[in-house]
Amino acid sequence: MLIDDLHEIVLKPSQRNIALRFAALDYARPEDIQYAYYLEGLDQEWNYREKTRLSSNTNLPPARYRLHDKSTNSDGV
């Protein structure tokens, strides 16, 4: 399922883990793109992922969260 088509993901109480992959559309040097995410309601600061485009959260307590993500281009901007 593509997250682009969703506004909200609702997990059952038994589903406490979530992993999401990001993509930035820069084809020049995709290996140089850096990613960060912030899970509002859980994280206190941005999680910088360097060249990994995966966010993973385990054992989430029941709550409402909002995911924020950002990336550089291949030039680091």
PDB file of N, CA and C in Angstrom:
ATOM      1  N   MET A   1       0.852  -1.172   0.000  1.00  0.00           N
ATOM      2  CA  MET A   1       0.000   0.000   0.000  1.00  0.00           C
ATOM      3  C   MET A   1       0.899   1.236   0.000  1.00  0.00           C
ATOM      4  N   LEU A   2       0.575   2.184  -0.839  1.00  0.00           N
ATOM      5  CA  LEU A   2       1.331   3.427  -0.888  1.00  0.00           C
ATOM      6  C   LEU A   2       0.783   4.422   0.114  1.00  0.00           C
ATOM      7  N   ILE A   3       1.666   4.971   0.890  1.00  0.00           N
ATOM      8  CA  ILE A   3       1.240   5.938   1.911  1.00  0.00           C
ATOM      9  C   ILE A   3       0.765   7.236   1.271  1.00  0.00           C
ATOM     10  N   ASP A   4       1.167   7.481   0.024  1.00  0.00           N
ATOM     11  CA  ASP A   4       0.717   8.687  -0.680  1.00  0.00           C
ATOM     12  C   ASP A   4      -0.802   8.762  -0.757  1.00  0.00           C
ATOM     13  N   ASP A   5      -1.438   7.616  -0.752  1.00  0.00           N
ATOM     14  CA  ASP A   5      -2.890   7.558  -0.882  1.00  0.00           C
ATOM     15  C   ASP A   5      -3.608   7.657   0.453  1.00  0.00           C
ATOM     16  N   LEU A   6      -2.862   7.717   1.548  1.00  0.00           N
ATOM     17  CA  LEU A   6      -3.463   7.729   2.880  1.00  0.00           C
ATOM     18  C   LEU A   6      -3.294   9.065   3.571  1.00  0.00           C
ATOM     19  N   HIS A   7      -4.252   9.405   4.402  1.00  0.00           N
ATOM     20  CA  HIS A   7      -4.137  10.581   5.257  1.00  0.00           C
ATOM     21  C   HIS A   7      -3.860  10.153   6.688  1.00  0.00           C
ATOM     22  N   GLU A   8      -4.192   8.914   6.977  1.00  0.00           N
ATOM     23  CA  GLU A   8      -4.087   8.418   8.350  1.00  0.00           C
ATOM     24  C   GLU A   8      -3.862   6.908   8.311  1.00  0.00           C
ATOM     25  N   ILE A   9      -3.056   6.429   9.238  1.00  0.00           N
ATOM     26  CA  ILE A   9      -2.864   4.992   9.441  1.00  0.00           C
ATOM     27  C   ILE A   9      -3.359   4.684  10.842  1.00  0.00           C
ATOM     28  N   VAL A  10      -4.255   3.740  10.955  1.00  0.00           N
ATOM     29  CA  VAL A  10      -4.785   3.350  12.253  1.00  0.00           C
ATOM     30  C   VAL A  10      -4.301   1.939  12.550  1.00  0.00           C
ATOM     31  N   LEU A  11      -3.601   1.781  13.664  1.00  0.00           N
ATOM     32  CA  LEU A  11      -3.098   0.483  14.070  1.00  0.00           C
ATOM     33  C   LEU A  11      -4.002  -0.114  15.143  1.00  0.00           C
ATOM     34  N   LYS A  12      -4.128  -1.411  15.124  1.00  0.00           N
ATOM     35  CA  LYS A  12      -4.850  -2.118  16.182  1.00  0.00           C
ATOM     36  C   LYS A  12      -3.988  -2.099  17.447  1.00  0.00           C
ATOM     37  N   PRO A  13      -4.586  -2.281  18.622  1.00  0.00           N
ATOM     38  CA  PRO A  13      -3.797  -2.287  19.864  1.00  0.00           C
ATOM     39  C   PRO A  13      -2.644  -3.295  19.851  1.00  0.00           C
ATOM     40  N   SER A  14      -2.800  -4.383  19.141  1.00  0.00           N
ATOM     41  CA  SER A  14      -1.735  -5.389  19.085  1.00  0.00           C
ATOM     42  C   SER A  14      -0.630  -5.009  18.095  1.00  0.00           C
ATOM     43  N   GLN A  15      -0.858  -4.004  17.265  1.00  0.00           N
ATOM     44  CA  GLN A  15       0.130  -3.545  16.289  1.00  0.00           C
ATOM     45  C   GLN A  15       0.865  -2.341  16.870  1.00  0.00           C
ATOM     46  N   ARG A  16       2.036  -2.573  17.400  1.00  0.00           N
ATOM     47  CA  ARG A  16       2.767  -1.506  18.093  1.00  0.00           C
ATOM     48  C   ARG A  16       4.069  -1.131  17.406  1.00  0.00           C
ATOM     49  N   ASN A  17       4.311  -1.713  16.236  1.00  0.00           N
ATOM     50  CA  ASN A  17       5.540  -1.436  15.492  1.00  0.00           C
ATOM     51  C   ASN A  17       5.178  -0.895  14.118  1.00  0.00           C
ATOM     52  N   ILE A  18       5.971   0.054  13.646  1.00  0.00           N
ATOM     53  CA  ILE A  18       5.754   0.596  12.304  1.00  0.00           C
ATOM     54  C   ILE A  18       7.105   0.963  11.697  1.00  0.00           C
ATOM     55  N   ALA A  19       7.247   0.675  10.426  1.00  0.00           N
ATOM     56  CA  ALA A  19       8.455   1.038   9.680  1.00  0.00           C
ATOM     57  C   ALA A  19       8.014   1.683   8.371  1.00  0.00           C
ATOM     58  N   LEU A  20       8.629   2.792   8.039  1.00  0.00           N
ATOM     59  CA  LEU A  20       8.293   3.528   6.823  1.00  0.00           C
ATOM     60  C   LEU A  20       9.566   3.841   6.067  1.00  0.00           C
ATOM     61  N   ARG A  21       9.501   3.759   4.737  1.00  0.00           N
ATOM     62  CA  ARG A  21      10.621   4.128   3.872  1.00  0.00           C
ATOM     63  C   ARG A  21      10.304   5.441   3.182  1.00  0.00           C
ATOM     64  N   PHE A  22      11.333   6.267   3.041  1.00  0.00           N
ATOM     65  CA  PHE A  22      11.198   7.555   2.386  1.00  0.00           C
ATOM     66  C   PHE A  22      11.844   7.501   1.010  1.00  0.00           C
ATOM     67  N   ALA A  23      11.456   8.420   0.170  1.00  0.00           N
ATOM     68  CA  ALA A  23      12.092   8.555  -1.141  1.00  0.00           C
ATOM     69  C   ALA A  23      12.180  10.032  -1.477  1.00  0.00           C
ATOM     70  N   ALA A  24      13.308  10.433  -2.005  1.00  0.00           N
ATOM     71  CA  ALA A  24      13.494  11.791  -2.506  1.00  0.00           C
ATOM     72  C   ALA A  24      13.787  11.673  -3.996  1.00  0.00           C
ATOM     73  N   LEU A  25      13.169  12.505  -4.778  1.00  0.00           N
ATOM     74  CA  LEU A  25      13.290  12.391  -6.228  1.00  0.00           C
ATOM     75  C   LEU A  25      14.457  13.228  -6.745  1.00  0.00           C
ATOM     76  N   ASP A  26      15.643  12.671  -6.590  1.00  0.00           N
ATOM     77  CA  ASP A  26      16.862  13.268  -7.104  1.00  0.00           C
ATOM     78  C   ASP A  26      17.667  12.109  -7.675  1.00  0.00           C
ATOM     79  N   TYR A  27      17.729  12.050  -8.987  1.00  0.00           N
ATOM     80  CA  TYR A  27      18.333  10.888  -9.636  1.00  0.00           C
ATOM     81  C   TYR A  27      19.817  11.057  -9.937  1.00  0.00           C
ATOM     82  N   ALA A  28      20.380  12.229  -9.697  1.00  0.00           N
ATOM     83  CA  ALA A  28      21.784  12.469 -10.025  1.00  0.00           C
ATOM     84  C   ALA A  28      22.700  11.548  -9.214  1.00  0.00           C
ATOM     85  N   ARG A  29      22.589  11.600  -7.883  1.00  0.00           N
ATOM     86  CA  ARG A  29      23.391  10.751  -6.992  1.00  0.00           C
ATOM     87  C   ARG A  29      22.518  10.374  -5.795  1.00  0.00           C
ATOM     88  N   PRO A  30      21.572   9.478  -5.956  1.00  0.00           N
ATOM     89  CA  PRO A  30      20.655   9.148  -4.860  1.00  0.00           C
ATOM     90  C   PRO A  30      21.361   8.630  -3.615  1.00  0.00           C
ATOM     91  N   GLU A  31      22.544   8.091  -3.760  1.00  0.00           N
ATOM     92  CA  GLU A  31      23.285   7.589  -2.601  1.00  0.00           C
ATOM     93  C   GLU A  31      23.779   8.714  -1.690  1.00  0.00           C
ATOM     94  N   ASP A  32      23.767   9.955  -2.179  1.00  0.00           N
ATOM     95  CA  ASP A  32      24.217  11.097  -1.383  1.00  0.00           C
ATOM     96  C   ASP A  32      23.078  11.830  -0.674  1.00  0.00           C
ATOM     97  N   ILE A  33      21.866  11.387  -0.852  1.00  0.00           N
ATOM     98  CA  ILE A  33      20.719  12.027  -0.211  1.00  0.00           C
ATOM     99  C   ILE A  33      20.680  11.620   1.264  1.00  0.00           C
ATOM    100  N   GLN A  34      20.412  12.586   2.129  1.00  0.00           N
ATOM    101  CA  GLN A  34      20.302  12.327   3.558  1.00  0.00           C
ATOM    102  C   GLN A  34      18.859  12.573   3.993  1.00  0.00           C
ATOM    103  N   TYR A  35      18.394  11.775   4.941  1.00  0.00           N
ATOM    104  CA  TYR A  35      17.005  11.818   5.388  1.00  0.00           C
ATOM    105  C   TYR A  35      16.925  12.058   6.890  1.00  0.00           C
ATOM    106  N   ALA A  36      15.794  12.623   7.328  1.00  0.00           N
ATOM    107  CA  ALA A  36      15.515  12.792   8.751  1.00  0.00           C
ATOM    108  C   ALA A  36      14.013  12.664   8.948  1.00  0.00           C
ATOM    109  N   TYR A  37      13.633  12.192  10.122  1.00  0.00           N
ATOM    110  CA  TYR A  37      12.211  12.137  10.453  1.00  0.00           C
ATOM    111  C   TYR A  37      12.023  12.490  11.921  1.00  0.00           C
ATOM    112  N   TYR A  38      10.813  12.913  12.219  1.00  0.00           N
ATOM    113  CA  TYR A  38      10.435  13.311  13.570  1.00  0.00           C
ATOM    114  C   TYR A  38       9.023  12.802  13.786  1.00  0.00           C
ATOM    115  N   LEU A  39       8.821  11.955  14.761  1.00  0.00           N
ATOM    116  CA  LEU A  39       7.500  11.422  15.067  1.00  0.00           C
ATOM    117  C   LEU A  39       6.925  12.250  16.211  1.00  0.00           C
ATOM    118  N   GLU A  40       6.102  13.234  15.840  1.00  0.00           N
ATOM    119  CA  GLU A  40       5.490  14.135  16.820  1.00  0.00           C
ATOM    120  C   GLU A  40       4.609  13.318  17.760  1.00  0.00           C
ATOM    121  N   GLY A  41       4.784  13.519  19.037  1.00  0.00           N
ATOM    122  CA  GLY A  41       4.074  12.742  20.043  1.00  0.00           C
ATOM    123  C   GLY A  41       4.968  11.690  20.673  1.00  0.00           C
ATOM    124  N   LEU A  42       6.161  11.496  20.086  1.00  0.00           N
ATOM    125  CA  LEU A  42       7.115  10.528  20.622  1.00  0.00           C
ATOM    126  C   LEU A  42       8.521  11.107  20.696  1.00  0.00           C
ATOM    127  N   ASP A  43       9.016  11.607  19.578  1.00  0.00           N
ATOM    128  CA  ASP A  43      10.392  12.098  19.514  1.00  0.00           C
ATOM    129  C   ASP A  43      10.499  13.517  20.037  1.00  0.00           C
ATOM    130  N   GLN A  44      11.649  13.838  20.590  1.00  0.00           N
ATOM    131  CA  GLN A  44      11.935  15.180  21.076  1.00  0.00           C
ATOM    132  C   GLN A  44      12.736  15.993  20.062  1.00  0.00           C
ATOM    133  N   GLU A  45      13.335  15.312  19.095  1.00  0.00           N
ATOM    134  CA  GLU A  45      14.153  15.992  18.089  1.00  0.00           C
ATOM    135  C   GLU A  45      14.177  15.155  16.819  1.00  0.00           C
ATOM    136  N   TRP A  46      14.745  15.725  15.771  1.00  0.00           N
ATOM    137  CA  TRP A  46      14.838  15.028  14.490  1.00  0.00           C
ATOM    138  C   TRP A  46      15.773  13.825  14.600  1.00  0.00           C
ATOM    139  N   ASN A  47      15.425  12.751  13.910  1.00  0.00           N
ATOM    140  CA  ASN A  47      16.261  11.553  13.791  1.00  0.00           C
ATOM    141  C   ASN A  47      16.910  11.590  12.414  1.00  0.00           C
ATOM    142  N   TYR A  48      18.193  11.877  12.360  1.00  0.00           N
ATOM    143  CA  TYR A  48      18.906  11.956  11.097  1.00  0.00           C
ATOM    144  C   TYR A  48      19.370  10.566  10.701  1.00  0.00           C
ATOM    145  N   ARG A  49      19.044  10.169   9.485  1.00  0.00           N
ATOM    146  CA  ARG A  49      19.282   8.805   9.031  1.00  0.00           C
ATOM    147  C   ARG A  49      20.441   8.699   8.054  1.00  0.00           C
ATOM    148  N   GLU A  50      21.192   9.755   7.838  1.00  0.00           N
ATOM    149  CA  GLU A  50      22.317   9.736   6.903  1.00  0.00           C
ATOM    150  C   GLU A  50      21.838   9.217   5.546  1.00  0.00           C
ATOM    151  N   LYS A  51      22.321   8.077   5.125  1.00  0.00           N
ATOM    152  CA  LYS A  51      21.964   7.560   3.801  1.00  0.00           C
ATOM    153  C   LYS A  51      20.922   6.449   3.868  1.00  0.00           C
ATOM    154  N   THR A  52      20.347   6.267   5.033  1.00  0.00           N
ATOM    155  CA  THR A  52      19.299   5.268   5.204  1.00  0.00           C
ATOM    156  C   THR A  52      17.959   5.964   5.077  1.00  0.00           C
ATOM    157  N   ARG A  53      17.051   5.392   4.347  1.00  0.00           N
ATOM    158  CA  ARG A  53      15.755   6.035   4.160  1.00  0.00           C
ATOM    159  C   ARG A  53      14.636   5.290   4.862  1.00  0.00           C
ATOM    160  N   LEU A  54      14.916   4.813   6.059  1.00  0.00           N
ATOM    161  CA  LEU A  54      13.955   4.026   6.820  1.00  0.00           C
ATOM    162  C   LEU A  54      13.749   4.626   8.204  1.00  0.00           C
ATOM    163  N   SER A  55      12.497   4.763   8.593  1.00  0.00           N
ATOM    164  CA  SER A  55      12.182   5.088   9.991  1.00  0.00           C
ATOM    165  C   SER A  55      11.530   3.860  10.585  1.00  0.00           C
ATOM    166  N   SER A  56      11.898   3.548  11.790  1.00  0.00           N
ATOM    167  CA  SER A  56      11.372   2.358  12.441  1.00  0.00           C
ATOM    168  C   SER A  56      11.098   2.675  13.903  1.00  0.00           C
ATOM    169  N   ASN A  57       9.881   2.401  14.322  1.00  0.00           N
ATOM    170  CA  ASN A  57       9.502   2.608  15.715  1.00  0.00           C
ATOM    171  C   ASN A  57       8.881   1.322  16.233  1.00  0.00           C
ATOM    172  N   THR A  58       9.325   0.883  17.400  1.00  0.00           N
ATOM    173  CA  THR A  58       8.817  -0.353  17.984  1.00  0.00           C
ATOM    174  C   THR A  58       8.208  -0.081  19.343  1.00  0.00           C
ATOM    175  N   ASN A  59       7.282  -0.924  19.701  1.00  0.00           N
ATOM    176  CA  ASN A  59       6.637  -0.867  21.010  1.00  0.00           C
ATOM    177  C   ASN A  59       6.019   0.511  21.287  1.00  0.00           C
ATOM    178  N   LEU A  60       5.331   1.059  20.298  1.00  0.00           N
ATOM    179  CA  LEU A  60       4.704   2.371  20.450  1.00  0.00           C
ATOM    180  C   LEU A  60       3.542   2.307  21.436  1.00  0.00           C
ATOM    181  N   PRO A  61       3.494   3.220  22.382  1.00  0.00           N
ATOM    182  CA  PRO A  61       2.322   3.274  23.263  1.00  0.00           C
ATOM    183  C   PRO A  61       1.125   3.823  22.485  1.00  0.00           C
ATOM    184  N   PRO A  62      -0.083   3.452  22.862  1.00  0.00           N
ATOM    185  CA  PRO A  62      -1.263   3.977  22.177  1.00  0.00           C
ATOM    186  C   PRO A  62      -1.308   5.509  22.278  1.00  0.00           C
ATOM    187  N   ALA A  63      -1.443   6.171  21.155  1.00  0.00           N
ATOM    188  CA  ALA A  63      -1.499   7.636  21.101  1.00  0.00           C
ATOM    189  C   ALA A  63      -1.721   8.049  19.656  1.00  0.00           C
ATOM    190  N   ARG A  64      -1.867   9.348  19.448  1.00  0.00           N
ATOM    191  CA  ARG A  64      -1.910   9.909  18.088  1.00  0.00           C
ATOM    192  C   ARG A  64      -0.528  10.475  17.791  1.00  0.00           C
ATOM    193  N   TYR A  65      -0.003  10.135  16.643  1.00  0.00           N
ATOM    194  CA  TYR A  65       1.308  10.612  16.227  1.00  0.00           C
ATOM    195  C   TYR A  65       1.187  11.285  14.866  1.00  0.00           C
ATOM    196  N   ARG A  66       2.125  12.181  14.601  1.00  0.00           N
ATOM    197  CA  ARG A  66       2.201  12.806  13.277  1.00  0.00           C
ATOM    198  C   ARG A  66       3.653  12.691  12.821  1.00  0.00           C
ATOM    199  N   LEU A  67       3.844  12.122  11.640  1.00  0.00           N
ATOM    200  CA  LEU A  67       5.181  11.931  11.101  1.00  0.00           C
ATOM    201  C   LEU A  67       5.579  13.130  10.252  1.00  0.00           C
ATOM    202  N   HIS A  68       6.775  13.651  10.518  1.00  0.00           N
ATOM    203  CA  HIS A  68       7.380  14.705   9.713  1.00  0.00           C
ATOM    204  C   HIS A  68       8.658  14.117   9.124  1.00  0.00           C
ATOM    205  N   ASP A  69       8.903  14.356   7.861  1.00  0.00           N
ATOM    206  CA  ASP A  69      10.141  13.868   7.251  1.00  0.00           C
ATOM    207  C   ASP A  69      10.702  14.953   6.340  1.00  0.00           C
ATOM    208  N   LYS A  70      12.012  14.850   6.128  1.00  0.00           N
ATOM    209  CA  LYS A  70      12.681  15.790   5.244  1.00  0.00           C
ATOM    210  C   LYS A  70      13.918  15.113   4.663  1.00  0.00           C
ATOM    211  N   SER A  71      14.422  15.691   3.582  1.00  0.00           N
ATOM    212  CA  SER A  71      15.627  15.133   2.980  1.00  0.00           C
ATOM    213  C   SER A  71      16.428  16.258   2.332  1.00  0.00           C
ATOM    214  N   THR A  72      17.666  15.951   2.026  1.00  0.00           N
ATOM    215  CA  THR A  72      18.498  16.843   1.224  1.00  0.00           C
ATOM    216  C   THR A  72      18.365  16.402  -0.235  1.00  0.00           C
ATOM    217  N   ASN A  73      18.971  17.148  -1.117  1.00  0.00           N
ATOM    218  CA  ASN A  73      19.168  16.631  -2.466  1.00  0.00           C
ATOM    219  C   ASN A  73      20.557  16.005  -2.497  1.00  0.00           C
ATOM    220  N   SER A  74      20.998  15.562  -3.641  1.00  0.00           N
ATOM    221  CA  SER A  74      22.299  14.885  -3.709  1.00  0.00           C
ATOM    222  C   SER A  74      23.471  15.840  -3.470  1.00  0.00           C
ATOM    223  N   ASP A  75      23.224  17.153  -3.500  1.00  0.00           N
ATOM    224  CA  ASP A  75      24.266  18.128  -3.181  1.00  0.00           C
ATOM    225  C   ASP A  75      24.301  18.493  -1.708  1.00  0.00           C
ATOM    226  N   GLY A  76      23.417  17.902  -0.915  1.00  0.00           N
ATOM    227  CA  GLY A  76      23.383  18.178   0.509  1.00  0.00           C
ATOM    228  C   GLY A  76      22.543  19.387   0.897  1.00  0.00           C
ATOM    229  N   VAL A  77      21.818  19.950  -0.055  1.00  0.00           N
ATOM    230  CA  VAL A  77      20.976  21.121   0.202  1.00  0.00           C
ATOM    231  C   VAL A  77      19.608  20.656   0.649  1.00  0.00           C
TER     232      VAL A  77
END
